[in-house]
Amino acid sequence: MGKVVVLILGLALVAFVAKTALDRTASPRAEHSAPRRQLDQVRDKAHDLERQQQEAVDKAAAQADTR
């Protein structure tokens, strides 16, 4: 009976350690490095510029259609 309890507790401990180790590696860090933040800002700015250009093209196309 004692060996079974020790076995179950040991397996539970191993499972807990494995779960916490995997949780740490699976989740991204809350803080990003400076180059990563800069890259994210560049991507956001590029997305904004593309959106603005598309809006300008759509506006010009709408004006051309009304003439």
N, C-alpha and C. Protein backbone atom coordinates (compact mmCIF):
# COMPACT_ATOMS: atom_id res chain seq x y z
N MET A 1 0.83 -1.19 0.00
CA MET A 1 0.00 0.00 0.00
C MET A 1 0.87 1.25 0.00
N GLY A 2 1.93 1.25 0.79
CA GLY A 2 2.82 2.40 0.88
C GLY A 2 3.55 2.66 -0.43
N LYS A 3 3.94 1.57 -1.12
CA LYS A 3 4.63 1.73 -2.39
C LYS A 3 3.71 2.33 -3.45
N VAL A 4 2.45 1.99 -3.41
CA VAL A 4 1.49 2.52 -4.37
C VAL A 4 1.29 4.02 -4.13
N VAL A 5 1.18 4.42 -2.88
CA VAL A 5 1.01 5.84 -2.55
C VAL A 5 2.24 6.63 -2.99
N VAL A 6 3.42 6.09 -2.72
CA VAL A 6 4.66 6.76 -3.13
C VAL A 6 4.73 6.85 -4.65
N LEU A 7 4.33 5.80 -5.35
CA LEU A 7 4.33 5.80 -6.80
C LEU A 7 3.37 6.86 -7.35
N ILE A 8 2.18 6.93 -6.80
CA ILE A 8 1.19 7.91 -7.25
C ILE A 8 1.68 9.33 -6.97
N LEU A 9 2.22 9.58 -5.80
CA LEU A 9 2.74 10.91 -5.49
C LEU A 9 3.93 11.27 -6.38
N GLY A 10 4.77 10.31 -6.67
CA GLY A 10 5.91 10.54 -7.56
C GLY A 10 5.45 10.89 -8.97
N LEU A 11 4.48 10.15 -9.47
CA LEU A 11 3.95 10.45 -10.80
C LEU A 11 3.27 11.81 -10.84
N ALA A 12 2.57 12.15 -9.78
CA ALA A 12 1.92 13.46 -9.72
C ALA A 12 2.97 14.57 -9.71
N LEU A 13 4.06 14.37 -8.99
CA LEU A 13 5.13 15.36 -8.94
C LEU A 13 5.78 15.52 -10.32
N VAL A 14 6.05 14.42 -11.00
CA VAL A 14 6.65 14.47 -12.33
C VAL A 14 5.71 15.17 -13.31
N ALA A 15 4.42 14.87 -13.22
CA ALA A 15 3.45 15.52 -14.11
C ALA A 15 3.39 17.02 -13.84
N PHE A 16 3.42 17.41 -12.58
CA PHE A 16 3.38 18.83 -12.23
C PHE A 16 4.61 19.56 -12.75
N VAL A 17 5.77 18.97 -12.58
CA VAL A 17 7.01 19.60 -13.04
C VAL A 17 7.00 19.71 -14.57
N ALA A 18 6.55 18.67 -15.25
CA ALA A 18 6.50 18.71 -16.71
C ALA A 18 5.51 19.78 -17.19
N LYS A 19 4.37 19.87 -16.53
CA LYS A 19 3.36 20.85 -16.92
C LYS A 19 3.87 22.27 -16.74
N THR A 20 4.50 22.56 -15.61
CA THR A 20 5.01 23.91 -15.38
C THR A 20 6.14 24.24 -16.35
N ALA A 21 6.98 23.26 -16.67
CA ALA A 21 8.07 23.51 -17.62
C ALA A 21 7.51 23.80 -19.01
N LEU A 22 6.50 23.07 -19.42
CA LEU A 22 5.91 23.30 -20.73
C LEU A 22 5.13 24.61 -20.78
N ASP A 23 4.49 24.98 -19.70
CA ASP A 23 3.75 26.24 -19.67
C ASP A 23 4.68 27.43 -19.83
N ARG A 24 5.85 27.34 -19.26
CA ARG A 24 6.81 28.45 -19.36
C ARG A 24 7.34 28.59 -20.78
N THR A 25 7.56 27.48 -21.46
CA THR A 25 8.13 27.55 -22.80
C THR A 25 7.07 27.84 -23.85
N ALA A 26 5.81 27.52 -23.58
CA ALA A 26 4.77 27.71 -24.58
C ALA A 26 4.28 29.14 -24.65
N SER A 27 4.25 29.83 -23.54
CA SER A 27 3.71 31.20 -23.54
C SER A 27 4.81 32.19 -23.90
N PRO A 28 4.45 33.18 -24.74
CA PRO A 28 5.45 34.20 -25.09
C PRO A 28 5.70 35.13 -23.91
N ARG A 29 6.88 35.69 -23.89
CA ARG A 29 7.21 36.62 -22.81
C ARG A 29 6.37 37.87 -22.93
N ALA A 30 6.02 38.43 -21.80
CA ALA A 30 5.22 39.65 -21.80
C ALA A 30 6.05 40.83 -22.32
N GLU A 31 7.32 40.83 -22.00
CA GLU A 31 8.19 41.91 -22.43
C GLU A 31 8.95 41.48 -23.68
N HIS A 32 8.97 42.34 -24.68
CA HIS A 32 9.72 42.05 -25.88
C HIS A 32 11.00 42.86 -25.87
N SER A 33 11.95 42.37 -26.61
CA SER A 33 13.21 43.09 -26.70
C SER A 33 13.01 44.35 -27.54
N ALA A 34 13.96 45.24 -27.44
CA ALA A 34 13.87 46.50 -28.17
C ALA A 34 13.79 46.28 -29.68
N PRO A 35 14.60 45.41 -30.27
CA PRO A 35 14.47 45.19 -31.72
C PRO A 35 13.10 44.63 -32.10
N ARG A 36 12.55 43.78 -31.25
CA ARG A 36 11.22 43.22 -31.54
C ARG A 36 10.16 44.31 -31.49
N ARG A 37 10.24 45.20 -30.51
CA ARG A 37 9.29 46.31 -30.43
C ARG A 37 9.42 47.23 -31.64
N GLN A 38 10.66 47.49 -32.06
CA GLN A 38 10.89 48.35 -33.21
C GLN A 38 10.31 47.71 -34.47
N LEU A 39 10.51 46.43 -34.63
CA LEU A 39 9.96 45.71 -35.79
C LEU A 39 8.44 45.75 -35.77
N ASP A 40 7.85 45.58 -34.61
CA ASP A 40 6.39 45.67 -34.51
C ASP A 40 5.89 47.05 -34.89
N GLN A 41 6.61 48.09 -34.47
CA GLN A 41 6.22 49.46 -34.82
C GLN A 41 6.33 49.70 -36.32
N VAL A 42 7.38 49.16 -36.94
CA VAL A 42 7.55 49.32 -38.38
C VAL A 42 6.43 48.60 -39.12
N ARG A 43 6.08 47.41 -38.66
CA ARG A 43 4.98 46.67 -39.29
C ARG A 43 3.67 47.43 -39.16
N ASP A 44 3.41 47.99 -37.99
CA ASP A 44 2.18 48.75 -37.78
C ASP A 44 2.15 49.98 -38.69
N LYS A 45 3.27 50.68 -38.81
CA LYS A 45 3.34 51.86 -39.66
C LYS A 45 3.14 51.48 -41.13
N ALA A 46 3.75 50.38 -41.55
CA ALA A 46 3.58 49.92 -42.93
C ALA A 46 2.12 49.57 -43.21
N HIS A 47 1.49 48.93 -42.24
CA HIS A 47 0.07 48.59 -42.39
C HIS A 47 -0.77 49.85 -42.52
N ASP A 48 -0.49 50.86 -41.70
CA ASP A 48 -1.21 52.13 -41.77
C ASP A 48 -1.02 52.81 -43.12
N LEU A 49 0.23 52.81 -43.62
CA LEU A 49 0.50 53.43 -44.92
C LEU A 49 -0.22 52.70 -46.04
N GLU A 50 -0.24 51.38 -46.00
CA GLU A 50 -0.95 50.61 -47.02
C GLU A 50 -2.44 50.92 -46.99
N ARG A 51 -2.99 51.05 -45.80
CA ARG A 51 -4.41 51.36 -45.67
C ARG A 51 -4.70 52.74 -46.23
N GLN A 52 -3.85 53.72 -45.92
CA GLN A 52 -4.05 55.08 -46.42
C GLN A 52 -3.94 55.12 -47.95
N GLN A 53 -2.98 54.39 -48.50
CA GLN A 53 -2.83 54.37 -49.95
C GLN A 53 -4.03 53.71 -50.62
N GLN A 54 -4.53 52.65 -50.02
CA GLN A 54 -5.70 51.98 -50.59
C GLN A 54 -6.92 52.89 -50.53
N GLU A 55 -7.07 53.63 -49.44
CA GLU A 55 -8.18 54.58 -49.35
C GLU A 55 -8.06 55.66 -50.41
N ALA A 56 -6.84 56.14 -50.67
CA ALA A 56 -6.63 57.17 -51.69
C ALA A 56 -6.96 56.62 -53.08
N VAL A 57 -6.57 55.39 -53.35
CA VAL A 57 -6.87 54.77 -54.65
C VAL A 57 -8.37 54.58 -54.79
N ASP A 58 -9.03 54.11 -53.75
CA ASP A 58 -10.48 53.92 -53.79
C ASP A 58 -11.20 55.25 -54.02
N LYS A 59 -10.72 56.30 -53.39
CA LYS A 59 -11.33 57.62 -53.55
C LYS A 59 -11.14 58.12 -54.97
N ALA A 60 -9.94 57.95 -55.52
CA ALA A 60 -9.68 58.38 -56.88
C ALA A 60 -10.52 57.57 -57.87
N ALA A 61 -10.67 56.28 -57.62
CA ALA A 61 -11.49 55.45 -58.50
C ALA A 61 -12.96 55.87 -58.43
N ALA A 62 -13.43 56.22 -57.25
CA ALA A 62 -14.81 56.66 -57.10
C ALA A 62 -15.02 57.98 -57.82
N GLN A 63 -14.06 58.89 -57.77
CA GLN A 63 -14.17 60.17 -58.47
C GLN A 63 -14.14 59.97 -59.98
N ALA A 64 -13.33 59.03 -60.43
CA ALA A 64 -13.25 58.76 -61.87
C ALA A 64 -14.54 58.15 -62.37
N ASP A 65 -15.21 57.36 -61.54
CA ASP A 65 -16.47 56.73 -61.94
C ASP A 65 -17.59 57.75 -62.03
N THR A 66 -17.54 58.80 -61.24
CA THR A 66 -18.61 59.78 -61.23
C THR A 66 -18.48 60.78 -62.37
N ARG A 67 -17.37 60.83 -63.03
CA ARG A 67 -17.18 61.79 -64.14
C ARG A 67 -17.75 61.28 -65.42
